[in-house]
């Protein structure tokens, strides 16, 4: 049992290290999304369904190449993309002076 606990502790420590890296990468992505917001013409351009489809297809391929489960990676990315769309919509309205969105 002690060996299992030590192994689980080690795995959790490695996950914590990855989380630190992921948060840093997400912060960089957020900064880029914020830069893009004022360059978009309207809410439809912020939602960019064609771009979402392109990103999802690309990360599914990357997941396969990395030995990850493409369906899992797609679900994670869709959630992340929606969170960034919500943030970018708010940012777009803030910087363009438009009215705040009433629905998501």
PDB file of N, CA and C in Angstrom:
ATOM      1  N   UNK A   1       0.820  -1.202   0.000  1.00  0.00           N
ATOM      2  CA  UNK A   1       0.000   0.000   0.000  1.00  0.00           C
ATOM      3  C   UNK A   1       0.861   1.262   0.000  1.00  0.00           C
ATOM      4  N   UNK A   2       1.984   1.248   0.707  1.00  0.00           N
ATOM      5  CA  UNK A   2       2.873   2.403   0.753  1.00  0.00           C
ATOM      6  C   UNK A   2       3.446   2.700  -0.622  1.00  0.00           C
ATOM      7  N   UNK A   3       3.745   1.645  -1.393  1.00  0.00           N
ATOM      8  CA  UNK A   3       4.271   1.830  -2.747  1.00  0.00           C
ATOM      9  C   UNK A   3       3.231   2.495  -3.648  1.00  0.00           C
ATOM     10  N   UNK A   4       1.985   2.079  -3.516  1.00  0.00           N
ATOM     11  CA  UNK A   4       0.909   2.680  -4.296  1.00  0.00           C
ATOM     12  C   UNK A   4       0.741   4.150  -3.936  1.00  0.00           C
ATOM     13  N   UNK A   5       0.797   4.456  -2.644  1.00  0.00           N
ATOM     14  CA  UNK A   5       0.660   5.845  -2.200  1.00  0.00           C
ATOM     15  C   UNK A   5       1.808   6.692  -2.730  1.00  0.00           C
ATOM     16  N   UNK A   6       3.024   6.141  -2.704  1.00  0.00           N
ATOM     17  CA  UNK A   6       4.185   6.889  -3.212  1.00  0.00           C
ATOM     18  C   UNK A   6       4.042   7.110  -4.709  1.00  0.00           C
ATOM     19  N   UNK A   7       3.595   6.106  -5.422  1.00  0.00           N
ATOM     20  CA  UNK A   7       3.409   6.228  -6.858  1.00  0.00           C
ATOM     21  C   UNK A   7       2.322   7.253  -7.167  1.00  0.00           C
ATOM     22  N   UNK A   8       1.221   7.196  -6.429  1.00  0.00           N
ATOM     23  CA  UNK A   8       0.136   8.157  -6.637  1.00  0.00           C
ATOM     24  C   UNK A   8       0.618   9.568  -6.320  1.00  0.00           C
ATOM     25  N   UNK A   9       1.398   9.722  -5.274  1.00  0.00           N
ATOM     26  CA  UNK A   9       1.956  11.030  -4.919  1.00  0.00           C
ATOM     27  C   UNK A   9       2.849  11.549  -6.044  1.00  0.00           C
ATOM     28  N   UNK A  10       3.673  10.688  -6.595  1.00  0.00           N
ATOM     29  CA  UNK A  10       4.546  11.082  -7.703  1.00  0.00           C
ATOM     30  C   UNK A  10       3.739  11.477  -8.935  1.00  0.00           C
ATOM     31  N   UNK A  11       2.722  10.688  -9.243  1.00  0.00           N
ATOM     32  CA  UNK A  11       1.873  11.002 -10.403  1.00  0.00           C
ATOM     33  C   UNK A  11       1.191  12.348 -10.202  1.00  0.00           C
ATOM     34  N   UNK A  12       0.670  12.580  -9.010  1.00  0.00           N
ATOM     35  CA  UNK A  12      -0.003  13.856  -8.729  1.00  0.00           C
ATOM     36  C   UNK A  12       0.972  15.025  -8.839  1.00  0.00           C
ATOM     37  N   UNK A  13       2.192  14.822  -8.401  1.00  0.00           N
ATOM     38  CA  UNK A  13       3.196  15.887  -8.511  1.00  0.00           C
ATOM     39  C   UNK A  13       3.484  16.196  -9.975  1.00  0.00           C
ATOM     40  N   UNK A  14       3.566  15.168 -10.794  1.00  0.00           N
ATOM     41  CA  UNK A  14       3.804  15.379 -12.228  1.00  0.00           C
ATOM     42  C   UNK A  14       2.604  16.071 -12.878  1.00  0.00           C
ATOM     43  N   UNK A  15       1.397  15.705 -12.450  1.00  0.00           N
ATOM     44  CA  UNK A  15       0.196  16.381 -12.963  1.00  0.00           C
ATOM     45  C   UNK A  15       0.222  17.852 -12.553  1.00  0.00           C
ATOM     46  N   UNK A  16       0.613  18.139 -11.325  1.00  0.00           N
ATOM     47  CA  UNK A  16       0.702  19.528 -10.863  1.00  0.00           C
ATOM     48  C   UNK A  16       1.692  20.329 -11.714  1.00  0.00           C
ATOM     49  N   UNK A  17       2.809  19.712 -12.080  1.00  0.00           N
ATOM     50  CA  UNK A  17       3.782  20.380 -12.951  1.00  0.00           C
ATOM     51  C   UNK A  17       3.174  20.677 -14.325  1.00  0.00           C
ATOM     52  N   UNK A  18       2.465  19.701 -14.862  1.00  0.00           N
ATOM     53  CA  UNK A  18       1.807  19.913 -16.160  1.00  0.00           C
ATOM     54  C   UNK A  18       0.759  21.017 -16.063  1.00  0.00           C
ATOM     55  N   UNK A  19       0.008  21.034 -14.963  1.00  0.00           N
ATOM     56  CA  UNK A  19      -1.008  22.076 -14.788  1.00  0.00           C
ATOM     57  C   UNK A  19      -0.363  23.463 -14.783  1.00  0.00           C
ATOM     58  N   UNK A  20       0.789  23.585 -14.153  1.00  0.00           N
ATOM     59  CA  UNK A  20       1.501  24.870 -14.138  1.00  0.00           C
ATOM     60  C   UNK A  20       1.839  25.283 -15.576  1.00  0.00           C
ATOM     61  N   UNK A  21       2.336  24.338 -16.352  1.00  0.00           N
ATOM     62  CA  UNK A  21       2.660  24.623 -17.754  1.00  0.00           C
ATOM     63  C   UNK A  21       1.413  24.970 -18.556  1.00  0.00           C
ATOM     64  N   UNK A  22       0.349  24.203 -18.346  1.00  0.00           N
ATOM     65  CA  UNK A  22      -0.894  24.450 -19.087  1.00  0.00           C
ATOM     66  C   UNK A  22      -1.474  25.823 -18.771  1.00  0.00           C
ATOM     67  N   UNK A  23      -1.469  26.207 -17.506  1.00  0.00           N
ATOM     68  CA  UNK A  23      -2.000  27.520 -17.132  1.00  0.00           C
ATOM     69  C   UNK A  23      -1.186  28.626 -17.795  1.00  0.00           C
ATOM     70  N   UNK A  24       0.117  28.464 -17.841  1.00  0.00           N
ATOM     71  CA  UNK A  24       0.959  29.448 -18.529  1.00  0.00           C
ATOM     72  C   UNK A  24       0.620  29.541 -20.006  1.00  0.00           C
ATOM     73  N   UNK A  25       0.411  28.404 -20.642  1.00  0.00           N
ATOM     74  CA  UNK A  25       0.046  28.399 -22.060  1.00  0.00           C
ATOM     75  C   UNK A  25      -1.347  28.996 -22.277  1.00  0.00           C
ATOM     76  N   UNK A  26      -2.268  28.690 -21.384  1.00  0.00           N
ATOM     77  CA  UNK A  26      -3.614  29.271 -21.503  1.00  0.00           C
ATOM     78  C   UNK A  26      -3.586  30.786 -21.311  1.00  0.00           C
ATOM     79  N   UNK A  27      -2.729  31.260 -20.430  1.00  0.00           N
ATOM     80  CA  UNK A  27      -2.591  32.707 -20.236  1.00  0.00           C
ATOM     81  C   UNK A  27      -2.079  33.358 -21.521  1.00  0.00           C
ATOM     82  N   UNK A  28      -1.132  32.716 -22.188  1.00  0.00           N
ATOM     83  CA  UNK A  28      -0.630  33.237 -23.469  1.00  0.00           C
ATOM     84  C   UNK A  28      -1.732  33.221 -24.519  1.00  0.00           C
ATOM     85  N   UNK A  29      -2.539  32.165 -24.536  1.00  0.00           N
ATOM     86  CA  UNK A  29      -3.648  32.084 -25.497  1.00  0.00           C
ATOM     87  C   UNK A  29      -4.665  33.194 -25.214  1.00  0.00           C
ATOM     88  N   UNK A  30      -4.963  33.397 -23.931  1.00  0.00           N
ATOM     89  CA  UNK A  30      -5.900  34.454 -23.551  1.00  0.00           C
ATOM     90  C   UNK A  30      -5.414  35.815 -24.041  1.00  0.00           C
ATOM     91  N   UNK A  31      -4.149  36.097 -23.874  1.00  0.00           N
ATOM     92  CA  UNK A  31      -3.602  37.387 -24.304  1.00  0.00           C
ATOM     93  C   UNK A  31      -3.778  37.566 -25.811  1.00  0.00           C
ATOM     94  N   UNK A  32      -3.565  36.513 -26.571  1.00  0.00           N
ATOM     95  CA  UNK A  32      -3.746  36.605 -28.024  1.00  0.00           C
ATOM     96  C   UNK A  32      -5.208  36.794 -28.405  1.00  0.00           C
ATOM     97  N   UNK A  33      -6.099  36.104 -27.708  1.00  0.00           N
ATOM     98  CA  UNK A  33      -7.533  36.262 -27.973  1.00  0.00           C
ATOM     99  C   UNK A  33      -7.958  37.696 -27.661  1.00  0.00           C
ATOM    100  N   UNK A  34      -7.453  38.251 -26.571  1.00  0.00           N
ATOM    101  CA  UNK A  34      -7.784  39.640 -26.238  1.00  0.00           C
ATOM    102  C   UNK A  34      -7.270  40.605 -27.310  1.00  0.00           C
ATOM    103  N   UNK A  35      -6.108  40.314 -27.885  1.00  0.00           N
ATOM    104  CA  UNK A  35      -5.577  41.151 -28.966  1.00  0.00           C
ATOM    105  C   UNK A  35      -6.443  41.050 -30.219  1.00  0.00           C
ATOM    106  N   UNK A  36      -7.015  39.875 -30.454  1.00  0.00           N
ATOM    107  CA  UNK A  36      -7.824  39.662 -31.649  1.00  0.00           C
ATOM    108  C   UNK A  36      -9.199  40.316 -31.541  1.00  0.00           C
ATOM    109  N   UNK A  37      -9.717  40.448 -30.338  1.00  0.00           N
ATOM    110  CA  UNK A  37     -11.093  40.932 -30.143  1.00  0.00           C
ATOM    111  C   UNK A  37     -11.396  42.243 -30.861  1.00  0.00           C
ATOM    112  N   UNK A  38     -10.580  43.282 -30.726  1.00  0.00           N
ATOM    113  CA  UNK A  38     -10.926  44.542 -31.388  1.00  0.00           C
ATOM    114  C   UNK A  38     -10.765  44.482 -32.911  1.00  0.00           C
ATOM    115  N   UNK A  39     -10.134  43.445 -33.409  1.00  0.00           N
ATOM    116  CA  UNK A  39      -9.944  43.317 -34.853  1.00  0.00           C
ATOM    117  C   UNK A  39     -11.134  42.652 -35.534  1.00  0.00           C
ATOM    118  N   UNK A  40     -12.048  42.120 -34.749  1.00  0.00           N
ATOM    119  CA  UNK A  40     -13.224  41.438 -35.291  1.00  0.00           C
ATOM    120  C   UNK A  40     -14.326  42.450 -35.559  1.00  0.00           C
ATOM    121  N   UNK A  41     -15.054  42.232 -36.641  1.00  0.00           N
ATOM    122  CA  UNK A  41     -16.063  43.201 -37.068  1.00  0.00           C
ATOM    123  C   UNK A  41     -17.353  43.133 -36.260  1.00  0.00           C
ATOM    124  N   UNK A  42     -17.719  41.936 -35.795  1.00  0.00           N
ATOM    125  CA  UNK A  42     -18.978  41.791 -35.074  1.00  0.00           C
ATOM    126  C   UNK A  42     -18.978  40.475 -34.295  1.00  0.00           C
ATOM    127  N   UNK A  43     -20.111  40.202 -33.625  1.00  0.00           N
ATOM    128  CA  UNK A  43     -20.212  39.006 -32.786  1.00  0.00           C
ATOM    129  C   UNK A  43     -20.058  37.726 -33.595  1.00  0.00           C
ATOM    130  N   UNK A  44     -20.536  37.713 -34.814  1.00  0.00           N
ATOM    131  CA  UNK A  44     -20.393  36.522 -35.660  1.00  0.00           C
ATOM    132  C   UNK A  44     -18.906  36.253 -35.947  1.00  0.00           C
ATOM    133  N   UNK A  45     -18.154  37.299 -36.166  1.00  0.00           N
ATOM    134  CA  UNK A  45     -16.719  37.148 -36.403  1.00  0.00           C
ATOM    135  C   UNK A  45     -16.020  36.637 -35.151  1.00  0.00           C
ATOM    136  N   UNK A  46     -16.519  37.000 -33.981  1.00  0.00           N
ATOM    137  CA  UNK A  46     -15.957  36.495 -32.739  1.00  0.00           C
ATOM    138  C   UNK A  46     -16.244  34.996 -32.626  1.00  0.00           C
ATOM    139  N   UNK A  47     -17.466  34.596 -32.921  1.00  0.00           N
ATOM    140  CA  UNK A  47     -17.834  33.174 -32.815  1.00  0.00           C
ATOM    141  C   UNK A  47     -17.098  32.319 -33.845  1.00  0.00           C
ATOM    142  N   UNK A  48     -16.897  32.825 -35.038  1.00  0.00           N
ATOM    143  CA  UNK A  48     -16.097  32.202 -36.105  1.00  0.00           C
ATOM    144  C   UNK A  48     -16.252  30.685 -36.191  1.00  0.00           C
ATOM    145  N   UNK A  49     -17.452  30.195 -36.519  1.00  0.00           N
ATOM    146  CA  UNK A  49     -17.660  28.745 -36.545  1.00  0.00           C
ATOM    147  C   UNK A  49     -16.735  27.997 -37.505  1.00  0.00           C
ATOM    148  N   UNK A  50     -16.377  28.606 -38.613  1.00  0.00           N
ATOM    149  CA  UNK A  50     -15.450  27.939 -39.533  1.00  0.00           C
ATOM    150  C   UNK A  50     -14.074  27.772 -38.899  1.00  0.00           C
ATOM    151  N   UNK A  51     -13.639  28.789 -38.172  1.00  0.00           N
ATOM    152  CA  UNK A  51     -12.343  28.715 -37.490  1.00  0.00           C
ATOM    153  C   UNK A  51     -12.389  27.666 -36.377  1.00  0.00           C
ATOM    154  N   UNK A  52     -13.506  27.596 -35.651  1.00  0.00           N
ATOM    155  CA  UNK A  52     -13.646  26.587 -34.599  1.00  0.00           C
ATOM    156  C   UNK A  52     -13.518  25.194 -35.211  1.00  0.00           C
ATOM    157  N   UNK A  53     -14.199  24.962 -36.318  1.00  0.00           N
ATOM    158  CA  UNK A  53     -14.130  23.655 -36.982  1.00  0.00           C
ATOM    159  C   UNK A  53     -12.697  23.344 -37.413  1.00  0.00           C
ATOM    160  N   UNK A  54     -12.008  24.350 -37.909  1.00  0.00           N
ATOM    161  CA  UNK A  54     -10.621  24.179 -38.343  1.00  0.00           C
ATOM    162  C   UNK A  54      -9.722  23.808 -37.157  1.00  0.00           C
ATOM    163  N   UNK A  55      -9.883  24.507 -36.053  1.00  0.00           N
ATOM    164  CA  UNK A  55      -9.066  24.236 -34.861  1.00  0.00           C
ATOM    165  C   UNK A  55      -9.359  22.835 -34.329  1.00  0.00           C
ATOM    166  N   UNK A  56     -10.640  22.472 -34.260  1.00  0.00           N
ATOM    167  CA  UNK A  56     -11.010  21.156 -33.741  1.00  0.00           C
ATOM    168  C   UNK A  56     -10.427  20.053 -34.622  1.00  0.00           C
ATOM    169  N   UNK A  57     -10.520  20.202 -35.926  1.00  0.00           N
ATOM    170  CA  UNK A  57      -9.954  19.190 -36.830  1.00  0.00           C
ATOM    171  C   UNK A  57      -8.443  19.072 -36.631  1.00  0.00           C
ATOM    172  N   UNK A  58      -7.790  20.208 -36.480  1.00  0.00           N
ATOM    173  CA  UNK A  58      -6.332  20.203 -36.304  1.00  0.00           C
ATOM    174  C   UNK A  58      -5.937  19.542 -34.995  1.00  0.00           C
ATOM    175  N   UNK A  59      -6.628  19.845 -33.902  1.00  0.00           N
ATOM    176  CA  UNK A  59      -6.237  19.253 -32.621  1.00  0.00           C
ATOM    177  C   UNK A  59      -6.590  17.765 -32.557  1.00  0.00           C
ATOM    178  N   UNK A  60      -7.603  17.349 -33.277  1.00  0.00           N
ATOM    179  CA  UNK A  60      -7.893  15.907 -33.347  1.00  0.00           C
ATOM    180  C   UNK A  60      -6.719  15.180 -34.009  1.00  0.00           C
ATOM    181  N   UNK A  61      -6.200  15.766 -35.076  1.00  0.00           N
ATOM    182  CA  UNK A  61      -5.036  15.173 -35.740  1.00  0.00           C
ATOM    183  C   UNK A  61      -3.833  15.169 -34.807  1.00  0.00           C
ATOM    184  N   UNK A  62      -3.596  16.302 -34.152  1.00  0.00           N
ATOM    185  CA  UNK A  62      -2.476  16.383 -33.206  1.00  0.00           C
ATOM    186  C   UNK A  62      -2.628  15.359 -32.076  1.00  0.00           C
ATOM    187  N   UNK A  63      -3.860  15.171 -31.613  1.00  0.00           N
ATOM    188  CA  UNK A  63      -4.106  14.190 -30.551  1.00  0.00           C
ATOM    189  C   UNK A  63      -3.740  12.789 -31.027  1.00  0.00           C
ATOM    190  N   UNK A  64      -4.164  12.445 -32.221  1.00  0.00           N
ATOM    191  CA  UNK A  64      -3.833  11.125 -32.770  1.00  0.00           C
ATOM    192  C   UNK A  64      -2.329  10.942 -32.872  1.00  0.00           C
ATOM    193  N   UNK A  65      -1.660  11.963 -33.371  1.00  0.00           N
ATOM    194  CA  UNK A  65      -0.201  11.887 -33.523  1.00  0.00           C
ATOM    195  C   UNK A  65       0.506  11.758 -32.179  1.00  0.00           C
ATOM    196  N   UNK A  66      -0.084  12.326 -31.135  1.00  0.00           N
ATOM    197  CA  UNK A  66       0.531  12.295 -29.803  1.00  0.00           C
ATOM    198  C   UNK A  66       0.131  11.062 -28.997  1.00  0.00           C
ATOM    199  N   UNK A  67      -0.750  10.242 -29.559  1.00  0.00           N
ATOM    200  CA  UNK A  67      -1.206   9.054 -28.842  1.00  0.00           C
ATOM    201  C   UNK A  67      -2.313   9.335 -27.848  1.00  0.00           C
ATOM    202  N   UNK A  68      -2.981  10.478 -27.990  1.00  0.00           N
ATOM    203  CA  UNK A  68      -4.095  10.834 -27.117  1.00  0.00           C
ATOM    204  C   UNK A  68      -5.410  10.441 -27.787  1.00  0.00           C
ATOM    205  N   UNK A  69      -6.461  10.438 -27.020  1.00  0.00           N
ATOM    206  CA  UNK A  69      -7.787  10.097 -27.525  1.00  0.00           C
ATOM    207  C   UNK A  69      -8.404  11.335 -28.185  1.00  0.00           C
ATOM    208  N   UNK A  70      -8.587  11.326 -29.511  1.00  0.00           N
ATOM    209  CA  UNK A  70      -9.105  12.507 -30.208  1.00  0.00           C
ATOM    210  C   UNK A  70     -10.455  13.009 -29.687  1.00  0.00           C
ATOM    211  N   UNK A  71     -11.360  12.091 -29.319  1.00  0.00           N
ATOM    212  CA  UNK A  71     -12.661  12.533 -28.809  1.00  0.00           C
ATOM    213  C   UNK A  71     -12.513  13.295 -27.495  1.00  0.00           C
ATOM    214  N   UNK A  72     -11.626  12.828 -26.638  1.00  0.00           N
ATOM    215  CA  UNK A  72     -11.394  13.516 -25.363  1.00  0.00           C
ATOM    216  C   UNK A  72     -10.796  14.893 -25.612  1.00  0.00           C
ATOM    217  N   UNK A  73      -9.798  14.958 -26.468  1.00  0.00           N
ATOM    218  CA  UNK A  73      -9.148  16.235 -26.760  1.00  0.00           C
ATOM    219  C   UNK A  73     -10.150  17.198 -27.402  1.00  0.00           C
ATOM    220  N   UNK A  74     -10.999  16.696 -28.271  1.00  0.00           N
ATOM    221  CA  UNK A  74     -12.020  17.559 -28.878  1.00  0.00           C
ATOM    222  C   UNK A  74     -12.953  18.122 -27.812  1.00  0.00           C
ATOM    223  N   UNK A  75     -13.403  17.291 -26.882  1.00  0.00           N
ATOM    224  CA  UNK A  75     -14.302  17.779 -25.827  1.00  0.00           C
ATOM    225  C   UNK A  75     -13.625  18.862 -24.995  1.00  0.00           C
ATOM    226  N   UNK A  76     -12.364  18.652 -24.664  1.00  0.00           N
ATOM    227  CA  UNK A  76     -11.617  19.641 -23.879  1.00  0.00           C
ATOM    228  C   UNK A  76     -11.504  20.940 -24.677  1.00  0.00           C
ATOM    229  N   UNK A  77     -11.134  20.834 -25.933  1.00  0.00           N
ATOM    230  CA  UNK A  77     -10.956  22.025 -26.758  1.00  0.00           C
ATOM    231  C   UNK A  77     -12.264  22.763 -26.976  1.00  0.00           C
ATOM    232  N   UNK A  78     -13.342  22.047 -27.197  1.00  0.00           N
ATOM    233  CA  UNK A  78     -14.630  22.730 -27.396  1.00  0.00           C
ATOM    234  C   UNK A  78     -15.020  23.529 -26.159  1.00  0.00           C
ATOM    235  N   UNK A  79     -14.789  22.966 -24.976  1.00  0.00           N
ATOM    236  CA  UNK A  79     -15.063  23.705 -23.742  1.00  0.00           C
ATOM    237  C   UNK A  79     -14.174  24.931 -23.613  1.00  0.00           C
ATOM    238  N   UNK A  80     -12.884  24.753 -23.910  1.00  0.00           N
ATOM    239  CA  UNK A  80     -11.944  25.859 -23.832  1.00  0.00           C
ATOM    240  C   UNK A  80     -12.294  26.939 -24.854  1.00  0.00           C
ATOM    241  N   UNK A  81     -12.584  26.520 -26.070  1.00  0.00           N
ATOM    242  CA  UNK A  81     -12.924  27.478 -27.128  1.00  0.00           C
ATOM    243  C   UNK A  81     -14.165  28.273 -26.738  1.00  0.00           C
ATOM    244  N   UNK A  82     -15.177  27.605 -26.191  1.00  0.00           N
ATOM    245  CA  UNK A  82     -16.390  28.330 -25.794  1.00  0.00           C
ATOM    246  C   UNK A  82     -16.084  29.345 -24.699  1.00  0.00           C
ATOM    247  N   UNK A  83     -15.245  28.976 -23.747  1.00  0.00           N
ATOM    248  CA  UNK A  83     -14.874  29.922 -22.685  1.00  0.00           C
ATOM    249  C   UNK A  83     -14.152  31.126 -23.277  1.00  0.00           C
ATOM    250  N   UNK A  84     -13.265  30.889 -24.242  1.00  0.00           N
ATOM    251  CA  UNK A  84     -12.558  31.997 -24.879  1.00  0.00           C
ATOM    252  C   UNK A  84     -13.499  32.837 -25.750  1.00  0.00           C
ATOM    253  N   UNK A  85     -14.459  32.209 -26.409  1.00  0.00           N
ATOM    254  CA  UNK A  85     -15.439  32.975 -27.186  1.00  0.00           C
ATOM    255  C   UNK A  85     -16.235  33.887 -26.260  1.00  0.00           C
ATOM    256  N   UNK A  86     -16.666  33.357 -25.124  1.00  0.00           N
ATOM    257  CA  UNK A  86     -17.408  34.174 -24.158  1.00  0.00           C
ATOM    258  C   UNK A  86     -16.569  35.368 -23.707  1.00  0.00           C
ATOM    259  N   UNK A  87     -15.306  35.113 -23.367  1.00  0.00           N
ATOM    260  CA  UNK A  87     -14.417  36.189 -22.925  1.00  0.00           C
ATOM    261  C   UNK A  87     -14.169  37.179 -24.053  1.00  0.00           C
ATOM    262  N   UNK A  88     -13.946  36.663 -25.266  1.00  0.00           N
ATOM    263  CA  UNK A  88     -13.667  37.546 -26.397  1.00  0.00           C
ATOM    264  C   UNK A  88     -14.883  38.386 -26.766  1.00  0.00           C
ATOM    265  N   UNK A  89     -16.058  37.804 -26.636  1.00  0.00           N
ATOM    266  CA  UNK A  89     -17.290  38.565 -26.901  1.00  0.00           C
ATOM    267  C   UNK A  89     -17.381  39.747 -25.943  1.00  0.00           C
ATOM    268  N   UNK A  90     -17.149  39.497 -24.663  1.00  0.00           N
ATOM    269  CA  UNK A  90     -17.162  40.582 -23.674  1.00  0.00           C
ATOM    270  C   UNK A  90     -16.085  41.622 -23.999  1.00  0.00           C
ATOM    271  N   UNK A  91     -14.898  41.151 -24.348  1.00  0.00           N
ATOM    272  CA  UNK A  91     -13.790  42.059 -24.676  1.00  0.00           C
ATOM    273  C   UNK A  91     -14.108  42.871 -25.934  1.00  0.00           C
ATOM    274  N   UNK A  92     -14.679  42.222 -26.927  1.00  0.00           N
ATOM    275  CA  UNK A  92     -15.044  42.908 -28.172  1.00  0.00           C
ATOM    276  C   UNK A  92     -16.030  44.027 -27.882  1.00  0.00           C
ATOM    277  N   UNK A  93     -17.036  43.723 -27.064  1.00  0.00           N
ATOM    278  CA  UNK A  93     -18.021  44.753 -26.708  1.00  0.00           C
ATOM    279  C   UNK A  93     -17.371  45.884 -25.908  1.00  0.00           C
ATOM    280  N   UNK A  94     -16.447  45.537 -25.033  1.00  0.00           N
ATOM    281  CA  UNK A  94     -15.781  46.554 -24.220  1.00  0.00           C
ATOM    282  C   UNK A  94     -14.957  47.499 -25.091  1.00  0.00           C
ATOM    283  N   UNK A  95     -14.160  46.949 -26.015  1.00  0.00           N
ATOM    284  CA  UNK A  95     -13.254  47.794 -26.787  1.00  0.00           C
ATOM    285  C   UNK A  95     -13.921  48.482 -27.973  1.00  0.00           C
ATOM    286  N   UNK A  96     -15.035  47.932 -28.451  1.00  0.00           N
ATOM    287  CA  UNK A  96     -15.706  48.566 -29.586  1.00  0.00           C
ATOM    288  C   UNK A  96     -16.859  49.461 -29.165  1.00  0.00           C
ATOM    289  N   UNK A  97     -17.169  49.418 -27.877  1.00  0.00           N
ATOM    290  CA  UNK A  97     -18.250  50.262 -27.388  1.00  0.00           C
ATOM    291  C   UNK A  97     -19.626  49.724 -27.676  1.00  0.00           C
ATOM    292  N   UNK A  98     -19.716  48.488 -28.121  1.00  0.00           N
ATOM    293  CA  UNK A  98     -21.014  47.872 -28.382  1.00  0.00           C
ATOM    294  C   UNK A  98     -21.719  47.536 -27.095  1.00  0.00           C
ATOM    295  N   UNK A  99     -22.973  47.166 -27.203  1.00  0.00           N
ATOM    296  CA  UNK A  99     -23.705  46.785 -26.009  1.00  0.00           C
ATOM    297  C   UNK A  99     -23.274  45.380 -25.599  1.00  0.00           C
ATOM    298  N   UNK A 100     -23.368  45.120 -24.320  1.00  0.00           N
ATOM    299  CA  UNK A 100     -22.964  43.814 -23.800  1.00  0.00           C
ATOM    300  C   UNK A 100     -23.920  42.746 -24.311  1.00  0.00           C
ATOM    301  N   UNK A 101     -23.430  41.547 -24.533  1.00  0.00           N
ATOM    302  CA  UNK A 101     -24.299  40.484 -25.020  1.00  0.00           C
ATOM    303  C   UNK A 101     -25.333  40.127 -23.958  1.00  0.00           C
ATOM    304  N   UNK A 102     -26.532  39.776 -24.424  1.00  0.00           N
ATOM    305  CA  UNK A 102     -27.594  39.414 -23.484  1.00  0.00           C
ATOM    306  C   UNK A 102     -27.709  37.917 -23.321  1.00  0.00           C
ATOM    307  N   UNK A 103     -27.233  37.162 -24.314  1.00  0.00           N
ATOM    308  CA  UNK A 103     -27.261  35.692 -24.210  1.00  0.00           C
ATOM    309  C   UNK A 103     -25.946  35.161 -24.744  1.00  0.00           C
ATOM    310  N   UNK A 104     -25.681  33.941 -24.394  1.00  0.00           N
ATOM    311  CA  UNK A 104     -24.462  33.287 -24.885  1.00  0.00           C
ATOM    312  C   UNK A 104     -24.852  32.151 -25.764  1.00  0.00           C
TER     313      UNK A 104
END
